[in-house]
Amino acid sequence: MTIVTTAIRSGRPTGLAAVAAAAREPAFQQAWHALETGDLTGAERAIRMLLAKDPDNAAALVLLAELAARIGIMHEAEAALIRAIALVPDLADARLRLAAICADQGRIDSALAQLDAVLEGDPGHRGAELAKAELLARIGDHAGAEALYARIATTGGEDADLHIARGNLAKTTGRFEAAVTHFRAAATGGRAGEAWWSLADLKTAKIDTHGIATMRDLLARTDLSATTRLHLHFALGKALEDYGEHAAAFAEYAQGNRLRRAELPHDADAVGREVDDQIALFDADFLARRSDPGELDTAPIFIVGLPRSGSTLVEQILASHPAIEGTSELPYIPALVQDMIGRNWQRRDLRYPAHLATLSPEAARDLGRHYLAAAQWHRRTERPLFLDKLPNNWRNIGFIRLILPNARIIDVRREAMACGFSNFKQHFARGQSFAYDLADIGRYYRDYARLTAHFDALAPGTIHRVSHEALVADPEREIRALLDYLGLPFDAACLRHHENRRPVRTASAQQVRAPISDAGLEQWRKFAPWLDPLREALGPLA
C-alpha cells in the first residue's frame, strides 16, 4: 500500500492532501503496522476506532478494505473501496485495489474501468499502466499487453519491475530468448532474487557457474529481504540440481521452503476437515434431492489435480483439438466459493461446505452463469468447448457439479512421490500454501486422492482420470480415451501438441512446447534420501 506517497504528489486536490494527513497520524500508523505484521484482530480494532472518530476517513477505509480482502470478505472490501473513492475520486490506491478485486472475481470490465479512471487523471501513472498490461495479458490480449509495456518503457524507462513483467509475458508467449534478456536485466536491479528464480524456472538451459557464484555472493549479504532470499535459494537449488549436486540442491530447496512457509502458513488439519465435510455432504441422497440442476452449459472442461502433475501437458494436448479452446488457470470457481463464504462470515456455526446444503436451484444457476460470463473474457475463438486448468479445483468438484452439472472434469494424476517432490522444489508465484513442507504435501495429496475417490464411487465415470505416467508411455492410447470421454473424434493434431504456439502461463511453459518425454519421471529418486517426511505422510500412496 502506498497511500501516503500517492496522496502527496504535487498539484493534487485537497482531498488527497487530507488522505496524506490522515495516513501520517499515529493511530493510522498503528493500524497499518498491525495489518502488515499479521495482527488482524489488532488491525480491525484500530481501524474501527479510526472510523468511529471519522466515518469519512478515506485512508482508514482503504485499510479496512485491505483487512477484509485478506480474510476473504470481498464484498465488504469492495464496499469500503467504493466509499473511499466516492470521498476522494483521485485516490489511485483505492482504484487499483478495487480493480484487482474485480479482476479476481471475473468482472474484467469493472477492473478496466477503474484502471482507466486512474490513467485519465494521471496518464503517466506507472502502477496503473503496469496493472492494466498485466490484466490484458491475463485475459489473453498479449499483443495489447506488450504494446502497453513498450509504451511504459519508452516514456518512463525499464526498471526491474518492468523487465520482470515483460519477461513473464515473453515466457507465456514462447519467446524464451526475450524472456532471458529481460530477466537478466532485472537481475542487476532491485528484484535480483525473483529474476534469478525466473531464469532458473525457464528450464531452457543451465545457469552457468558464474551465475551460481553470483547467487551465492548475494546470499552472503545481510541486507536481503526474506522474499529475495527465498527466491535465490530456489534458483540456486535448481542450478545445483542441473549440475548433479543433489545434496547441495536439496539444502537450498529446503531453506527456500522454510522461508516461504514462514510467509505463507498452511493448515493441513483444516483441509482435512473440509474434505471430511465434503464427503459427508455429497452423498447419493443429497445429489438425488438436487433434481433441479444449475446452469446446463456443456462448454466448460475442468482439469484438476495437484500442481506439477502434468496438467499443463493435458491442457496443451486438448487445446490442439479443433473443438477445444485453451484458456488458462481461471480463478473464478474459488472466487465464487470464497464470496459465498465471505457473505456468511458472521455465521460462526457455518463451515464450508455447509453453505451448499441450502443452495437454491436459482442461486446455483446464477453462480454458473457468473462463472461463464467471467470465463468469456478469456475466450478468443469460436470453438464450442473451453478448458479451465486450475489444479486445485479438485477441492471444488462438488460445487462445480451443483452449478455446472454438464461440465466435464478431468483429473490428471502423477505418481505421488514424483508429484510431491516436484511441488517442493517449485516456488509458486502465488498461493499453494501446502507446497512448502514435505509432510504438508503428503497430507494434501492424500486428501486429494480420497475426495476424488469419493466422487468416483458416488458417480462412476463422471470424472475421467489421466495417469501422467501412462500418458508418457502411450500418448495415443490415452489421448483417444480422453477424447472419447469428451465425446470428440480423434484428431492427430493432439499428438503434435508441441507445435501449438498458444500462450502458456504456467511453470511448464517450455516443457509442453517439446515432444513428450519420460526424462523427468524418476528425477525425484535422486533426492530420495531426504524425502522421508513426504513418504511417511503419503503412507500407502508413496
Protein backbone atom coordinates (compact mmCIF):
# COMPACT_ATOMS: atom_id res chain seq x y z
CA MET A 1 0.00 0.00 0.00
CA THR A 2 1.28 3.46 -0.91
CA ILE A 3 -1.47 5.70 0.40
CA VAL A 4 0.89 8.39 1.61
CA THR A 5 3.10 8.59 -1.45
CA THR A 6 0.15 8.60 -3.80
CA ALA A 7 -1.63 11.26 -1.84
CA ILE A 8 1.13 13.83 -1.58
CA ARG A 9 2.01 14.12 -5.25
CA SER A 10 2.43 17.77 -6.08
CA GLY A 11 -0.55 19.58 -7.52
CA ARG A 12 -3.09 17.14 -6.12
CA PRO A 13 -6.50 18.32 -4.87
CA THR A 14 -7.28 18.93 -1.23
CA GLY A 15 -8.94 15.53 -0.86
CA LEU A 16 -5.65 13.74 -1.39
CA ALA A 17 -3.85 16.10 0.94
CA ALA A 18 -6.38 15.19 3.62
CA VAL A 19 -5.74 11.49 2.99
CA ALA A 20 -2.00 12.08 3.34
CA ALA A 21 -2.54 13.89 6.63
CA ALA A 22 -4.74 11.07 7.94
CA ALA A 23 -2.14 8.48 6.90
CA ARG A 24 0.53 10.25 8.96
CA GLU A 25 -1.50 10.08 12.17
CA PRO A 26 -0.05 7.73 14.83
CA ALA A 27 -3.35 5.84 15.11
CA PHE A 28 -3.29 5.13 11.37
CA GLN A 29 0.33 4.01 11.52
CA GLN A 30 -0.54 1.67 14.38
CA ALA A 31 -3.38 0.12 12.37
CA TRP A 32 -1.19 -0.21 9.30
CA HIS A 33 1.61 -1.85 11.29
CA ALA A 34 -0.82 -4.34 12.84
CA LEU A 35 -2.14 -5.23 9.39
CA GLU A 36 1.31 -5.64 7.86
CA THR A 37 2.54 -7.84 10.73
CA GLY A 38 -0.48 -10.14 10.54
CA ASP A 39 -2.21 -8.93 13.71
CA LEU A 40 -5.61 -8.85 12.03
CA THR A 41 -7.57 -8.57 15.27
CA GLY A 42 -5.49 -5.60 16.38
CA ALA A 43 -5.75 -4.06 12.92
CA GLU A 44 -9.54 -4.35 12.91
CA ARG A 45 -9.80 -2.78 16.35
CA ALA A 46 -7.56 0.15 15.35
CA ILE A 47 -9.35 0.69 12.03
CA ARG A 48 -12.79 0.64 13.64
CA MET A 49 -11.61 3.25 16.15
CA LEU A 50 -10.38 5.48 13.30
CA LEU A 51 -13.72 5.19 11.51
CA ALA A 52 -15.72 5.75 14.70
CA LYS A 53 -13.87 9.03 15.10
CA ASP A 54 -14.27 9.99 11.42
CA PRO A 55 -16.51 7.85 9.18
CA ASP A 56 -15.20 9.78 6.14
CA ASN A 57 -11.56 8.86 6.75
CA ALA A 58 -10.71 7.57 3.27
CA ALA A 59 -7.28 6.31 4.35
CA ALA A 60 -8.89 4.19 7.06
CA LEU A 61 -11.46 2.89 4.57
CA VAL A 62 -8.65 1.66 2.32
CA LEU A 63 -7.10 -0.12 5.30
CA LEU A 64 -10.49 -1.65 6.13
CA ALA A 65 -10.76 -2.89 2.55
CA GLU A 66 -7.33 -4.49 2.73
CA LEU A 67 -8.22 -6.18 6.01
CA ALA A 68 -11.48 -7.51 4.58
CA ALA A 69 -9.72 -8.77 1.45
CA ARG A 70 -7.09 -10.61 3.46
CA ILE A 71 -9.72 -12.55 5.38
CA GLY A 72 -11.80 -13.21 2.28
CA ILE A 73 -14.76 -10.87 2.83
CA MET A 74 -14.54 -9.43 -0.65
CA HIS A 75 -17.92 -7.71 -0.78
CA GLU A 76 -17.01 -5.65 2.29
CA ALA A 77 -13.61 -4.83 0.81
CA GLU A 78 -15.32 -3.63 -2.34
CA ALA A 79 -17.86 -1.57 -0.42
CA ALA A 80 -15.13 0.16 1.61
CA LEU A 81 -13.15 0.99 -1.53
CA ILE A 82 -16.20 2.35 -3.33
CA ARG A 83 -16.88 4.56 -0.31
CA ALA A 84 -13.27 5.78 -0.27
CA ILE A 85 -13.39 6.58 -4.00
CA ALA A 86 -16.67 8.46 -3.56
CA LEU A 87 -14.97 10.60 -0.92
CA VAL A 88 -11.70 11.08 -2.83
CA PRO A 89 -12.11 10.22 -6.54
CA ASP A 90 -8.40 10.76 -7.26
CA LEU A 91 -7.23 8.23 -4.67
CA ALA A 92 -5.40 5.93 -7.06
CA ASP A 93 -4.55 3.27 -4.47
CA ALA A 94 -8.24 2.65 -3.84
CA ARG A 95 -8.97 2.31 -7.54
CA LEU A 96 -6.02 -0.03 -8.11
CA ARG A 97 -7.07 -2.29 -5.25
CA LEU A 98 -10.68 -2.27 -6.42
CA ALA A 99 -9.52 -3.16 -9.93
CA ALA A 100 -7.61 -6.15 -8.55
CA ILE A 101 -10.66 -7.37 -6.61
CA CYS A 102 -12.94 -7.00 -9.62
CA ALA A 103 -10.46 -8.83 -11.86
CA ASP A 104 -10.17 -11.77 -9.47
CA GLN A 105 -13.96 -12.08 -9.49
CA GLY A 106 -14.12 -12.04 -13.30
CA ARG A 107 -15.59 -8.55 -13.61
CA ILE A 108 -12.94 -7.52 -16.09
CA ASP A 109 -14.93 -4.58 -17.48
CA SER A 110 -15.19 -3.06 -13.99
CA ALA A 111 -11.48 -3.64 -13.37
CA LEU A 112 -10.51 -1.94 -16.63
CA ALA A 113 -12.85 0.97 -15.83
CA GLN A 114 -11.06 1.60 -12.52
CA LEU A 115 -7.62 1.47 -14.15
CA ASP A 116 -8.72 3.77 -16.97
CA ALA A 117 -10.10 6.23 -14.41
CA VAL A 118 -6.66 6.44 -12.79
CA LEU A 119 -4.97 6.90 -16.16
CA GLU A 120 -7.46 9.55 -17.23
CA GLY A 121 -6.47 11.66 -14.25
CA ASP A 122 -2.79 10.76 -14.40
CA PRO A 123 -1.78 9.40 -17.85
CA GLY A 124 1.69 8.55 -16.63
CA HIS A 125 0.66 6.58 -13.53
CA ARG A 126 3.09 3.67 -13.81
CA GLY A 127 1.29 1.43 -11.33
CA ALA A 128 -1.98 1.70 -13.24
CA GLU A 129 -0.25 1.12 -16.58
CA LEU A 130 1.53 -1.99 -15.27
CA ALA A 131 -1.68 -3.31 -13.71
CA LYS A 132 -3.59 -2.79 -16.95
CA ALA A 133 -0.92 -4.53 -19.02
CA GLU A 134 -0.93 -7.49 -16.62
CA LEU A 135 -4.73 -7.67 -16.80
CA LEU A 136 -4.63 -7.62 -20.61
CA ALA A 137 -2.10 -10.46 -20.52
CA ARG A 138 -4.29 -12.40 -18.09
CA ILE A 139 -7.30 -12.32 -20.41
CA GLY A 140 -5.20 -13.29 -23.43
CA ASP A 141 -4.64 -9.90 -25.09
CA HIS A 142 -0.90 -10.43 -25.25
CA ALA A 143 -0.35 -8.03 -28.12
CA GLY A 144 -2.15 -5.30 -26.21
CA ALA A 145 -0.13 -6.06 -23.09
CA GLU A 146 3.20 -5.94 -24.91
CA ALA A 147 2.27 -2.69 -26.66
CA LEU A 148 1.48 -1.12 -23.30
CA TYR A 149 4.70 -2.43 -21.76
CA ALA A 150 6.65 -0.98 -24.68
CA ARG A 151 4.98 2.39 -24.21
CA ILE A 152 5.81 2.35 -20.50
CA ALA A 153 9.44 1.59 -21.35
CA THR A 154 9.55 4.45 -23.84
CA THR A 155 8.02 7.04 -21.56
CA GLY A 156 9.42 6.01 -18.19
CA GLY A 157 12.30 3.66 -18.81
CA GLU A 158 12.67 -0.01 -17.96
CA ASP A 159 13.21 -0.78 -14.29
CA ALA A 160 13.40 -4.22 -12.70
CA ASP A 161 9.60 -4.41 -12.27
CA LEU A 162 9.03 -3.82 -15.96
CA HIS A 163 11.72 -6.28 -17.00
CA ILE A 164 10.14 -8.98 -14.81
CA ALA A 165 6.69 -8.27 -16.27
CA ARG A 166 7.95 -8.29 -19.86
CA GLY A 167 9.99 -11.43 -19.19
CA ASN A 168 6.94 -13.24 -17.86
CA LEU A 169 4.92 -12.21 -20.90
CA ALA A 170 7.68 -13.38 -23.23
CA LYS A 171 7.77 -16.74 -21.41
CA THR A 172 3.99 -17.09 -21.73
CA THR A 173 4.11 -16.49 -25.48
CA GLY A 174 7.08 -18.76 -26.10
CA ARG A 175 9.69 -16.05 -26.74
CA PHE A 176 12.26 -17.58 -24.44
CA GLU A 177 15.30 -15.61 -25.68
CA ALA A 178 13.47 -12.36 -25.00
CA ALA A 179 12.47 -13.67 -21.57
CA VAL A 180 16.11 -14.42 -20.74
CA THR A 181 17.12 -10.91 -21.83
CA HIS A 182 14.55 -9.28 -19.58
CA PHE A 183 15.24 -11.50 -16.57
CA ARG A 184 19.00 -10.92 -16.85
CA ALA A 185 18.39 -7.19 -16.95
CA ALA A 186 16.20 -7.45 -13.83
CA ALA A 187 18.89 -9.46 -12.05
CA THR A 188 21.04 -6.34 -11.80
CA GLY A 189 18.15 -4.28 -10.44
CA GLY A 190 16.08 -4.29 -7.29
CA ARG A 191 14.47 -7.70 -7.87
CA ALA A 192 17.54 -9.88 -8.22
CA GLY A 193 16.04 -12.83 -6.35
CA GLU A 194 12.91 -13.02 -8.46
CA ALA A 195 14.96 -12.51 -11.64
CA TRP A 196 17.32 -15.39 -10.87
CA TRP A 197 14.41 -17.66 -9.99
CA SER A 198 12.66 -16.67 -13.22
CA LEU A 199 15.78 -17.61 -15.18
CA ALA A 200 16.03 -20.96 -13.41
CA ASP A 201 12.31 -21.64 -13.86
CA LEU A 202 12.53 -21.15 -17.63
CA LYS A 203 14.14 -24.61 -17.79
CA THR A 204 15.71 -23.76 -21.16
CA ALA A 205 19.38 -24.02 -20.16
CA LYS A 206 21.60 -24.43 -17.13
CA ILE A 207 22.60 -21.39 -15.14
CA ASP A 208 26.38 -21.28 -15.55
CA THR A 209 28.96 -21.40 -12.77
CA HIS A 210 29.31 -17.61 -12.84
CA GLY A 211 25.57 -17.32 -12.15
CA ILE A 212 25.85 -19.79 -9.29
CA ALA A 213 28.72 -17.77 -7.79
CA THR A 214 26.70 -14.57 -8.17
CA MET A 215 23.73 -16.05 -6.31
CA ARG A 216 25.97 -17.31 -3.53
CA ASP A 217 27.53 -13.87 -3.21
CA LEU A 218 24.08 -12.34 -2.95
CA LEU A 219 23.02 -14.83 -0.27
CA ALA A 220 26.11 -13.94 1.75
CA ARG A 221 24.77 -10.40 2.17
CA THR A 222 22.93 -9.48 5.34
CA ASP A 223 20.65 -6.81 3.88
CA LEU A 224 18.40 -9.03 1.73
CA SER A 225 14.67 -9.29 2.33
CA ALA A 226 13.27 -12.72 3.14
CA THR A 227 11.43 -12.70 -0.20
CA THR A 228 14.61 -12.00 -2.18
CA ARG A 229 16.46 -14.63 -0.20
CA LEU A 230 13.89 -17.38 -0.72
CA HIS A 231 13.84 -16.76 -4.49
CA LEU A 232 17.61 -17.10 -4.56
CA HIS A 233 17.52 -20.37 -2.59
CA PHE A 234 15.02 -21.89 -5.03
CA ALA A 235 17.02 -20.66 -8.04
CA LEU A 236 20.32 -21.91 -6.63
CA GLY A 237 18.70 -25.26 -5.84
CA LYS A 238 17.59 -25.65 -9.46
CA ALA A 239 21.03 -24.65 -10.75
CA LEU A 240 22.82 -27.12 -8.49
CA GLU A 241 20.36 -29.88 -9.40
CA ASP A 242 21.16 -29.32 -13.07
CA TYR A 243 24.84 -29.94 -12.25
CA GLY A 244 24.04 -33.13 -10.34
CA GLU A 245 24.84 -31.74 -6.89
CA HIS A 246 21.75 -33.23 -5.31
CA ALA A 247 22.60 -32.89 -1.61
CA ALA A 248 23.52 -29.22 -2.03
CA ALA A 249 20.47 -28.65 -4.22
CA PHE A 250 18.12 -30.15 -1.62
CA ALA A 251 19.64 -27.97 1.10
CA GLU A 252 18.83 -24.87 -0.98
CA TYR A 253 15.29 -26.06 -1.74
CA ALA A 254 14.75 -26.80 1.95
CA GLN A 255 15.90 -23.34 3.01
CA GLY A 256 13.73 -21.66 0.38
CA ASN A 257 10.74 -23.67 1.56
CA ARG A 258 11.36 -22.76 5.21
CA LEU A 259 11.40 -19.07 4.36
CA ARG A 260 8.28 -19.27 2.18
CA ARG A 261 6.43 -21.34 4.77
CA ALA A 262 7.09 -18.58 7.32
CA GLU A 263 5.41 -16.10 4.95
CA LEU A 264 2.53 -18.38 3.93
CA PRO A 265 1.27 -20.64 6.74
CA HIS A 266 -0.75 -23.74 5.90
CA ASP A 267 -3.38 -25.53 7.99
CA ALA A 268 -3.36 -29.17 6.88
CA ASP A 269 -5.94 -30.07 9.55
CA ALA A 270 -8.37 -27.52 8.10
CA VAL A 271 -8.02 -29.01 4.62
CA GLY A 272 -8.61 -32.48 6.04
CA ARG A 273 -11.75 -31.33 7.88
CA GLU A 274 -13.09 -29.70 4.72
CA VAL A 275 -12.59 -32.93 2.79
CA ASP A 276 -14.32 -34.89 5.58
CA ASP A 277 -17.23 -32.47 5.43
CA GLN A 278 -17.50 -32.69 1.65
CA ILE A 279 -17.55 -36.48 1.77
CA ALA A 280 -20.28 -36.32 4.41
CA LEU A 281 -22.37 -33.77 2.49
CA PHE A 282 -22.09 -35.12 -1.04
CA ASP A 283 -23.78 -38.48 -0.80
CA ALA A 284 -26.26 -40.16 -3.12
CA ASP A 285 -29.28 -38.82 -1.25
CA PHE A 286 -28.01 -35.25 -1.41
CA LEU A 287 -27.45 -35.42 -5.16
CA ALA A 288 -30.78 -37.15 -5.72
CA ARG A 289 -32.54 -34.26 -3.98
CA ARG A 290 -30.87 -31.82 -6.38
CA SER A 291 -33.20 -32.71 -9.24
CA ASP A 292 -33.37 -29.08 -10.39
CA PRO A 293 -29.88 -28.51 -11.83
CA GLY A 294 -27.71 -25.42 -12.19
CA GLU A 295 -26.60 -23.87 -15.47
CA LEU A 296 -26.68 -26.58 -18.15
CA ASP A 297 -23.99 -25.23 -20.48
CA THR A 298 -21.75 -28.01 -21.82
CA ALA A 299 -18.78 -25.84 -22.80
CA PRO A 300 -16.53 -25.98 -19.70
CA ILE A 301 -13.93 -28.69 -19.23
CA PHE A 302 -12.16 -28.56 -15.87
CA ILE A 303 -8.68 -30.04 -15.50
CA VAL A 304 -7.95 -30.75 -11.84
CA GLY A 305 -5.25 -32.45 -9.78
CA LEU A 306 -2.19 -31.23 -7.95
CA PRO A 307 0.19 -28.67 -9.42
CA ARG A 308 3.17 -30.26 -11.21
CA SER A 309 1.06 -33.30 -12.12
CA GLY A 310 1.23 -32.96 -15.90
CA SER A 311 -1.99 -30.97 -16.17
CA THR A 312 -0.44 -28.35 -18.46
CA LEU A 313 0.54 -31.14 -20.87
CA VAL A 314 -3.05 -32.41 -20.95
CA GLU A 315 -4.26 -28.85 -21.46
CA GLN A 316 -1.85 -28.37 -24.38
CA ILE A 317 -2.91 -31.66 -25.96
CA LEU A 318 -6.62 -30.85 -25.72
CA ALA A 319 -6.14 -27.24 -26.85
CA SER A 320 -4.66 -28.67 -30.05
CA HIS A 321 -8.05 -30.22 -30.91
CA PRO A 322 -10.14 -28.03 -33.25
CA ALA A 323 -13.17 -28.22 -30.93
CA ILE A 324 -11.42 -27.10 -27.73
CA GLU A 325 -10.06 -23.72 -26.69
CA GLY A 326 -7.39 -23.47 -24.03
CA THR A 327 -7.79 -20.51 -21.70
CA SER A 328 -5.73 -20.53 -18.51
CA GLU A 329 -5.87 -21.31 -14.80
CA LEU A 330 -9.03 -19.34 -14.19
CA PRO A 331 -9.54 -18.14 -10.60
CA TYR A 332 -13.30 -17.82 -10.79
CA ILE A 333 -14.56 -21.06 -9.21
CA PRO A 334 -12.55 -20.46 -5.98
CA ALA A 335 -13.60 -16.80 -6.07
CA LEU A 336 -17.27 -17.79 -6.18
CA VAL A 337 -16.77 -20.18 -3.28
CA GLN A 338 -14.91 -17.56 -1.25
CA ASP A 339 -17.58 -14.96 -1.96
CA MET A 340 -20.21 -17.36 -0.66
CA ILE A 341 -18.17 -17.94 2.50
CA GLY A 342 -17.43 -14.23 2.91
CA ARG A 343 -21.07 -13.23 2.70
CA ASN A 344 -21.77 -15.52 5.65
CA TRP A 345 -18.70 -14.61 7.69
CA GLN A 346 -20.76 -13.70 10.75
CA ARG A 347 -22.24 -17.21 10.87
CA ARG A 348 -19.67 -18.78 13.17
CA ASP A 349 -21.68 -22.00 13.13
CA LEU A 350 -21.40 -22.33 9.34
CA ARG A 351 -18.31 -24.09 8.00
CA TYR A 352 -17.83 -24.70 4.28
CA PRO A 353 -19.18 -26.76 2.51
CA ALA A 354 -22.30 -26.50 4.71
CA HIS A 355 -23.23 -23.40 2.66
CA LEU A 356 -24.02 -25.69 -0.27
CA ALA A 357 -26.68 -27.63 1.61
CA THR A 358 -29.14 -24.76 1.27
CA LEU A 359 -28.05 -23.51 -2.16
CA SER A 360 -31.23 -22.97 -4.17
CA PRO A 361 -31.51 -24.03 -7.83
CA GLU A 362 -31.84 -20.36 -8.81
CA ALA A 363 -28.69 -19.44 -6.91
CA ALA A 364 -26.83 -22.37 -8.45
CA ARG A 365 -27.83 -21.25 -11.95
CA ASP A 366 -26.79 -17.67 -11.17
CA LEU A 367 -23.40 -18.87 -9.99
CA GLY A 368 -22.95 -20.97 -13.10
CA ARG A 369 -23.82 -18.04 -15.33
CA HIS A 370 -21.50 -15.75 -13.39
CA TYR A 371 -18.66 -18.22 -13.97
CA LEU A 372 -19.38 -18.47 -17.70
CA ALA A 373 -19.51 -14.68 -18.07
CA ALA A 374 -16.14 -14.35 -16.35
CA ALA A 375 -14.59 -17.14 -18.41
CA GLN A 376 -15.83 -15.49 -21.61
CA TRP A 377 -13.24 -12.73 -21.18
CA HIS A 378 -10.54 -15.35 -21.77
CA ARG A 379 -12.04 -16.85 -24.91
CA ARG A 380 -10.57 -15.80 -28.26
CA THR A 381 -12.09 -18.33 -30.67
CA GLU A 382 -15.48 -19.77 -31.63
CA ARG A 383 -14.56 -23.30 -30.56
CA PRO A 384 -17.51 -24.89 -28.72
CA LEU A 385 -15.58 -26.16 -25.67
CA PHE A 386 -13.05 -24.49 -23.40
CA LEU A 387 -10.58 -25.56 -20.74
CA ASP A 388 -10.17 -24.27 -17.20
CA LYS A 389 -6.94 -25.75 -15.86
CA LEU A 390 -6.84 -24.70 -12.23
CA PRO A 391 -5.44 -27.80 -10.49
CA ASN A 392 -6.78 -27.05 -7.01
CA ASN A 393 -10.35 -27.13 -8.28
CA TRP A 394 -10.26 -30.76 -7.06
CA ARG A 395 -11.49 -29.18 -3.83
CA ASN A 396 -14.45 -27.72 -5.74
CA ILE A 397 -15.67 -30.75 -7.67
CA GLY A 398 -18.91 -30.88 -5.67
CA PHE A 399 -19.52 -27.15 -6.13
CA ILE A 400 -18.90 -27.46 -9.88
CA ARG A 401 -21.37 -30.32 -10.12
CA LEU A 402 -24.04 -28.17 -8.46
CA ILE A 403 -23.62 -25.02 -10.57
CA LEU A 404 -22.45 -26.58 -13.88
CA PRO A 405 -23.76 -30.16 -13.89
CA ASN A 406 -22.87 -30.76 -17.55
CA ALA A 407 -19.25 -29.65 -17.21
CA ARG A 408 -16.64 -32.37 -17.79
CA ILE A 409 -13.92 -32.94 -15.18
CA ILE A 410 -10.51 -34.43 -15.95
CA ASP A 411 -8.27 -35.48 -13.06
CA VAL A 412 -4.59 -35.57 -14.05
CA ARG A 413 -2.64 -37.68 -11.60
CA ARG A 414 1.12 -38.11 -11.24
CA GLU A 415 2.88 -40.70 -9.10
CA ALA A 416 2.76 -39.37 -5.55
CA MET A 417 6.46 -39.15 -4.70
CA ALA A 418 7.34 -37.59 -8.04
CA CYS A 419 4.50 -35.09 -7.81
CA GLY A 420 5.26 -34.28 -4.19
CA PHE A 421 8.93 -33.54 -4.73
CA SER A 422 8.19 -31.52 -7.87
CA ASN A 423 5.94 -29.28 -5.76
CA PHE A 424 8.59 -28.96 -3.06
CA LYS A 425 11.22 -27.65 -5.45
CA GLN A 426 8.86 -25.18 -7.14
CA HIS A 427 8.34 -21.66 -5.90
CA PHE A 428 4.84 -20.63 -6.95
CA ALA A 429 4.03 -17.03 -7.78
CA ARG A 430 1.00 -17.07 -5.52
CA GLY A 431 -0.88 -19.44 -3.24
CA GLN A 432 -0.17 -23.18 -2.95
CA SER A 433 0.46 -22.89 0.78
CA PHE A 434 0.61 -26.69 1.12
CA ALA A 435 3.67 -26.92 -1.15
CA TYR A 436 6.36 -25.63 1.21
CA ASP A 437 6.62 -28.56 3.63
CA LEU A 438 7.10 -32.21 2.69
CA ALA A 439 4.65 -33.54 5.27
CA ASP A 440 2.00 -31.00 4.26
CA ILE A 441 2.42 -32.01 0.61
CA GLY A 442 1.88 -35.64 1.52
CA ARG A 443 -1.26 -34.90 3.52
CA TYR A 444 -2.61 -32.67 0.76
CA TYR A 445 -2.07 -35.42 -1.83
CA ARG A 446 -3.87 -37.93 0.42
CA ASP A 447 -6.83 -35.58 0.88
CA TYR A 448 -6.99 -35.02 -2.88
CA ALA A 449 -6.91 -38.77 -3.54
CA ARG A 450 -9.65 -39.59 -1.05
CA LEU A 451 -12.02 -36.82 -2.17
CA THR A 452 -11.71 -37.76 -5.85
CA ALA A 453 -12.14 -41.44 -4.88
CA HIS A 454 -15.38 -40.48 -3.11
CA PHE A 455 -16.78 -38.81 -6.22
CA ASP A 456 -15.62 -41.78 -8.33
CA ALA A 457 -17.65 -44.10 -6.11
CA LEU A 458 -20.61 -41.72 -5.97
CA ALA A 459 -20.91 -41.27 -9.74
CA PRO A 460 -18.61 -43.63 -11.66
CA GLY A 461 -17.41 -42.20 -14.96
CA THR A 462 -18.23 -38.59 -14.13
CA ILE A 463 -14.55 -37.78 -13.66
CA HIS A 464 -12.03 -39.02 -16.22
CA ARG A 465 -8.61 -39.80 -14.78
CA VAL A 466 -5.40 -39.41 -16.77
CA SER A 467 -2.28 -41.04 -15.39
CA HIS A 468 0.70 -38.89 -16.30
CA GLU A 469 2.95 -41.93 -16.47
CA ALA A 470 0.51 -43.78 -18.75
CA LEU A 471 0.23 -40.73 -20.99
CA VAL A 472 4.01 -40.57 -21.35
CA ALA A 473 4.21 -44.31 -22.06
CA ASP A 474 1.45 -44.45 -24.70
CA PRO A 475 0.24 -40.97 -25.72
CA GLU A 476 -2.14 -42.02 -28.49
CA ARG A 477 -4.00 -44.58 -26.37
CA GLU A 478 -4.51 -42.12 -23.53
CA ILE A 479 -5.47 -39.25 -25.83
CA ARG A 480 -8.05 -41.40 -27.61
CA ALA A 481 -9.58 -42.40 -24.27
CA LEU A 482 -9.64 -38.77 -23.19
CA LEU A 483 -11.38 -37.63 -26.37
CA ASP A 484 -13.88 -40.50 -26.09
CA TYR A 485 -14.80 -39.22 -22.63
CA LEU A 486 -15.37 -35.76 -24.13
CA GLY A 487 -17.42 -37.18 -27.00
CA LEU A 488 -14.98 -35.91 -29.60
CA PRO A 489 -13.35 -37.62 -32.58
CA PHE A 490 -9.64 -38.28 -32.52
CA ASP A 491 -7.53 -35.60 -34.18
CA ALA A 492 -3.85 -36.16 -34.97
CA ALA A 493 -3.08 -32.55 -34.03
CA CYS A 494 -3.33 -33.68 -30.40
CA LEU A 495 -0.24 -35.84 -30.96
CA ARG A 496 1.61 -32.76 -32.24
CA HIS A 497 0.78 -30.59 -29.25
CA HIS A 498 4.35 -29.27 -29.16
CA GLU A 499 3.69 -27.49 -32.46
CA ASN A 500 0.85 -25.49 -30.90
CA ARG A 501 2.01 -21.88 -30.41
CA ARG A 502 -0.72 -20.96 -27.94
CA PRO A 503 0.31 -18.95 -24.86
CA VAL A 504 1.04 -20.94 -21.68
CA ARG A 505 1.17 -19.14 -18.32
CA THR A 506 2.34 -21.96 -16.04
CA ALA A 507 5.75 -23.22 -14.91
CA SER A 508 5.58 -25.86 -17.67
CA ALA A 509 5.51 -23.28 -20.49
CA GLN A 510 8.74 -24.54 -22.04
CA GLN A 511 8.21 -28.24 -21.38
CA VAL A 512 4.85 -28.52 -23.18
CA ARG A 513 6.38 -26.93 -26.27
CA ALA A 514 8.58 -30.02 -26.66
CA PRO A 515 7.61 -33.61 -27.58
CA ILE A 516 6.52 -35.84 -24.71
CA SER A 517 9.50 -37.23 -22.79
CA ASP A 518 9.99 -39.54 -19.82
CA ALA A 519 13.11 -37.65 -18.72
CA GLY A 520 11.57 -36.27 -15.54
CA LEU A 521 9.64 -39.31 -14.33
CA GLU A 522 12.31 -40.67 -12.00
CA GLN A 523 14.10 -37.42 -11.14
CA TRP A 524 12.78 -37.49 -7.58
CA ARG A 525 14.70 -40.68 -6.81
CA LYS A 526 17.97 -38.74 -6.78
CA PHE A 527 16.59 -36.90 -3.75
CA ALA A 528 15.07 -39.97 -2.07
CA PRO A 529 17.41 -39.88 0.98
CA TRP A 530 15.85 -36.59 2.09
CA LEU A 531 12.19 -37.31 1.34
CA ASP A 532 11.19 -39.44 4.34
CA PRO A 533 8.68 -36.83 5.67
CA LEU A 534 6.88 -36.92 2.31
CA ARG A 535 6.95 -40.71 2.17
CA GLU A 536 5.62 -41.06 5.72
CA ALA A 537 2.82 -38.54 5.16
CA LEU A 538 1.74 -40.29 1.95
CA GLY A 539 1.54 -43.67 3.68
CA PRO A 540 0.36 -46.36 1.25
CA LEU A 541 0.23 -43.86 -1.63
CA ALA A 542 4.04 -43.45 -1.61
